[in-house]
Amino acid sequence: MLEEKCAYCGDMTDMPFECNYCKDPFCSEHRLPEDHRCVKLSQLRAKRFGEKRKIIRDGGTGKKNKFRKMFGRFG
């Protein structure tokens, strides 16, 4: 039986799961890309949806200006 360390938490697992994106082995708790903060998945999403969208979603400078435009006249 193949026993490997989870690339995220380091626990030994009898049945490692291989990530489809980064190809690293993971335990059942960290098998999903979102659960082990897969770098390759983040890169793929940024490439597919664009960096501009990521900045807005992460609370970048665009949000503050939108709120000022919407609520600035009430202040």
N, C-alpha and C. Protein backbone atom coordinates (compact mmCIF):
# COMPACT_ATOMS: atom_id res chain seq x y z
N MET A 1 0.84 -1.19 0.00
CA MET A 1 0.00 0.00 0.00
C MET A 1 0.89 1.25 0.00
N LEU A 2 0.54 2.22 -0.80
CA LEU A 2 1.31 3.45 -0.93
C LEU A 2 0.87 4.45 0.14
N GLU A 3 1.80 4.84 0.98
CA GLU A 3 1.51 5.81 2.03
C GLU A 3 2.33 7.06 1.76
N GLU A 4 1.66 8.20 1.75
CA GLU A 4 2.34 9.47 1.46
C GLU A 4 1.93 10.53 2.45
N LYS A 5 2.74 11.58 2.50
CA LYS A 5 2.43 12.74 3.33
C LYS A 5 1.54 13.69 2.55
N CYS A 6 0.58 14.27 3.25
CA CYS A 6 -0.25 15.32 2.66
C CYS A 6 0.65 16.54 2.45
N ALA A 7 0.63 17.08 1.25
CA ALA A 7 1.47 18.24 0.93
C ALA A 7 1.02 19.50 1.66
N TYR A 8 -0.17 19.49 2.25
CA TYR A 8 -0.67 20.67 2.96
C TYR A 8 -0.41 20.58 4.47
N CYS A 9 -0.86 19.48 5.09
CA CYS A 9 -0.75 19.39 6.55
C CYS A 9 0.38 18.48 7.03
N GLY A 10 0.90 17.64 6.13
CA GLY A 10 2.00 16.77 6.49
C GLY A 10 1.60 15.44 7.11
N ASP A 11 0.31 15.20 7.31
CA ASP A 11 -0.15 13.92 7.87
C ASP A 11 0.06 12.80 6.87
N MET A 12 0.39 11.64 7.38
CA MET A 12 0.54 10.46 6.52
C MET A 12 -0.85 9.94 6.18
N THR A 13 -1.03 9.54 4.93
CA THR A 13 -2.32 9.02 4.48
C THR A 13 -2.12 7.76 3.65
N ASP A 14 -2.97 6.76 3.90
CA ASP A 14 -2.90 5.49 3.18
C ASP A 14 -3.39 5.63 1.74
N MET A 15 -4.38 6.51 1.55
CA MET A 15 -4.95 6.71 0.21
C MET A 15 -4.81 8.18 -0.18
N PRO A 16 -3.65 8.58 -0.66
CA PRO A 16 -3.47 9.99 -1.04
C PRO A 16 -4.28 10.34 -2.29
N PHE A 17 -4.80 11.56 -2.29
CA PHE A 17 -5.52 12.10 -3.44
C PHE A 17 -4.57 13.01 -4.19
N GLU A 18 -4.53 12.89 -5.50
CA GLU A 18 -3.68 13.76 -6.32
C GLU A 18 -4.51 14.90 -6.88
N CYS A 19 -4.06 16.12 -6.64
CA CYS A 19 -4.76 17.30 -7.16
C CYS A 19 -4.65 17.33 -8.68
N ASN A 20 -5.76 17.62 -9.33
CA ASN A 20 -5.78 17.70 -10.80
C ASN A 20 -4.98 18.88 -11.33
N TYR A 21 -4.73 19.88 -10.49
CA TYR A 21 -4.03 21.08 -10.93
C TYR A 21 -2.54 21.05 -10.61
N CYS A 22 -2.20 20.84 -9.34
CA CYS A 22 -0.78 20.90 -8.94
C CYS A 22 -0.12 19.52 -8.88
N LYS A 23 -0.91 18.46 -8.94
CA LYS A 23 -0.42 17.07 -8.95
C LYS A 23 0.24 16.63 -7.64
N ASP A 24 0.07 17.39 -6.57
CA ASP A 24 0.62 17.01 -5.26
C ASP A 24 -0.32 16.04 -4.56
N PRO A 25 0.20 15.22 -3.62
CA PRO A 25 -0.65 14.30 -2.86
C PRO A 25 -1.27 14.99 -1.64
N PHE A 26 -2.53 14.65 -1.34
CA PHE A 26 -3.22 15.26 -0.20
C PHE A 26 -4.06 14.22 0.54
N CYS A 27 -4.31 14.50 1.82
CA CYS A 27 -5.20 13.64 2.61
C CYS A 27 -6.64 13.94 2.20
N SER A 28 -7.58 13.17 2.72
CA SER A 28 -8.99 13.36 2.34
C SER A 28 -9.52 14.73 2.75
N GLU A 29 -8.99 15.29 3.83
CA GLU A 29 -9.45 16.60 4.30
C GLU A 29 -9.01 17.74 3.37
N HIS A 30 -7.87 17.59 2.73
CA HIS A 30 -7.31 18.66 1.89
C HIS A 30 -7.27 18.29 0.41
N ARG A 31 -8.09 17.34 -0.02
CA ARG A 31 -8.03 16.83 -1.40
C ARG A 31 -8.54 17.84 -2.44
N LEU A 32 -9.47 18.70 -2.05
CA LEU A 32 -10.01 19.69 -3.00
C LEU A 32 -9.05 20.88 -3.13
N PRO A 33 -8.94 21.44 -4.33
CA PRO A 33 -8.02 22.58 -4.54
C PRO A 33 -8.28 23.74 -3.58
N GLU A 34 -9.54 24.01 -3.26
CA GLU A 34 -9.88 25.10 -2.35
C GLU A 34 -9.41 24.80 -0.93
N ASP A 35 -9.38 23.51 -0.56
CA ASP A 35 -8.99 23.13 0.80
C ASP A 35 -7.49 23.18 1.03
N HIS A 36 -6.67 23.12 -0.02
CA HIS A 36 -5.22 23.23 0.17
C HIS A 36 -4.65 24.48 -0.48
N ARG A 37 -5.54 25.43 -0.79
CA ARG A 37 -5.14 26.72 -1.37
C ARG A 37 -4.22 26.52 -2.56
N CYS A 38 -4.70 25.75 -3.51
CA CYS A 38 -3.91 25.37 -4.68
C CYS A 38 -3.44 26.59 -5.47
N VAL A 39 -2.15 26.73 -5.60
CA VAL A 39 -1.56 27.85 -6.32
C VAL A 39 -1.91 27.77 -7.81
N LYS A 40 -1.88 26.58 -8.35
CA LYS A 40 -2.18 26.40 -9.78
C LYS A 40 -3.62 26.80 -10.08
N LEU A 41 -4.55 26.48 -9.19
CA LEU A 41 -5.95 26.85 -9.39
C LEU A 41 -6.10 28.37 -9.37
N SER A 42 -5.42 29.03 -8.45
CA SER A 42 -5.46 30.49 -8.38
C SER A 42 -4.91 31.11 -9.66
N GLN A 43 -3.83 30.55 -10.17
CA GLN A 43 -3.24 31.06 -11.41
C GLN A 43 -4.19 30.86 -12.58
N LEU A 44 -4.82 29.70 -12.64
CA LEU A 44 -5.76 29.40 -13.71
C LEU A 44 -6.95 30.35 -13.68
N ARG A 45 -7.49 30.59 -12.49
CA ARG A 45 -8.63 31.51 -12.36
C ARG A 45 -8.24 32.93 -12.76
N ALA A 46 -7.07 33.38 -12.33
CA ALA A 46 -6.61 34.72 -12.68
C ALA A 46 -6.45 34.85 -14.19
N LYS A 47 -5.93 33.82 -14.81
CA LYS A 47 -5.73 33.84 -16.26
C LYS A 47 -7.07 33.83 -17.00
N ARG A 48 -7.98 33.00 -16.52
CA ARG A 48 -9.27 32.85 -17.18
C ARG A 48 -10.18 34.07 -16.99
N PHE A 49 -10.23 34.60 -15.78
CA PHE A 49 -11.16 35.70 -15.49
C PHE A 49 -10.50 37.07 -15.48
N GLY A 50 -9.20 37.12 -15.53
CA GLY A 50 -8.49 38.39 -15.61
C GLY A 50 -8.15 38.97 -14.25
N GLU A 51 -7.03 39.64 -14.20
CA GLU A 51 -6.55 40.24 -12.96
C GLU A 51 -7.46 41.36 -12.47
N LYS A 52 -8.07 42.11 -13.38
CA LYS A 52 -8.93 43.23 -12.98
C LYS A 52 -10.07 42.73 -12.10
N ARG A 53 -10.69 41.65 -12.49
CA ARG A 53 -11.80 41.09 -11.72
C ARG A 53 -11.33 40.62 -10.35
N LYS A 54 -10.14 40.04 -10.28
CA LYS A 54 -9.60 39.56 -9.01
C LYS A 54 -9.38 40.73 -8.05
N ILE A 55 -8.89 41.83 -8.53
CA ILE A 55 -8.64 42.99 -7.69
C ILE A 55 -9.93 43.51 -7.09
N ILE A 56 -10.98 43.61 -7.89
CA ILE A 56 -12.27 44.09 -7.41
C ILE A 56 -12.84 43.13 -6.37
N ARG A 57 -12.77 41.81 -6.64
CA ARG A 57 -13.30 40.81 -5.73
C ARG A 57 -12.56 40.81 -4.41
N ASP A 58 -11.26 41.10 -4.43
CA ASP A 58 -10.45 41.08 -3.22
C ASP A 58 -10.55 42.39 -2.44
N GLY A 59 -11.41 43.29 -2.86
CA GLY A 59 -11.58 44.54 -2.13
C GLY A 59 -10.59 45.59 -2.55
N GLY A 60 -10.24 45.64 -3.81
CA GLY A 60 -9.26 46.60 -4.32
C GLY A 60 -9.80 48.02 -4.32
N THR A 61 -9.08 48.91 -4.94
CA THR A 61 -9.40 50.33 -4.90
C THR A 61 -10.70 50.68 -5.59
N GLY A 62 -11.18 49.85 -6.48
CA GLY A 62 -12.41 50.13 -7.24
C GLY A 62 -13.64 50.22 -6.37
N LYS A 63 -13.73 49.45 -5.30
CA LYS A 63 -14.92 49.42 -4.45
C LYS A 63 -15.17 50.76 -3.76
N LYS A 64 -14.13 51.33 -3.22
CA LYS A 64 -14.28 52.56 -2.46
C LYS A 64 -14.83 53.68 -3.34
N ASN A 65 -14.34 53.77 -4.55
CA ASN A 65 -14.80 54.81 -5.45
C ASN A 65 -16.27 54.61 -5.82
N LYS A 66 -16.71 53.35 -5.99
CA LYS A 66 -18.11 53.08 -6.30
C LYS A 66 -19.01 53.53 -5.16
N PHE A 67 -18.61 53.24 -3.93
CA PHE A 67 -19.41 53.65 -2.79
C PHE A 67 -19.46 55.16 -2.65
N ARG A 68 -18.35 55.81 -2.91
CA ARG A 68 -18.33 57.28 -2.85
C ARG A 68 -19.28 57.87 -3.88
N LYS A 69 -19.28 57.32 -5.08
CA LYS A 69 -20.17 57.81 -6.13
C LYS A 69 -21.64 57.61 -5.73
N MET A 70 -21.92 56.45 -5.15
CA MET A 70 -23.31 56.13 -4.80
C MET A 70 -23.79 56.88 -3.56
N PHE A 71 -22.95 56.96 -2.52
CA PHE A 71 -23.39 57.52 -1.26
C PHE A 71 -22.77 58.88 -0.93
N GLY A 72 -21.86 59.35 -1.75
CA GLY A 72 -21.19 60.62 -1.49
C GLY A 72 -22.14 61.80 -1.46
N ARG A 73 -23.16 61.74 -2.28
CA ARG A 73 -24.11 62.87 -2.33
C ARG A 73 -25.03 62.92 -1.12
N PHE A 74 -25.08 61.82 -0.34
CA PHE A 74 -25.91 61.79 0.86
C PHE A 74 -25.18 62.26 2.09
N GLY A 75 -23.83 62.36 1.99
CA GLY A 75 -23.01 62.68 3.16
C GLY A 75 -22.80 64.08 3.37
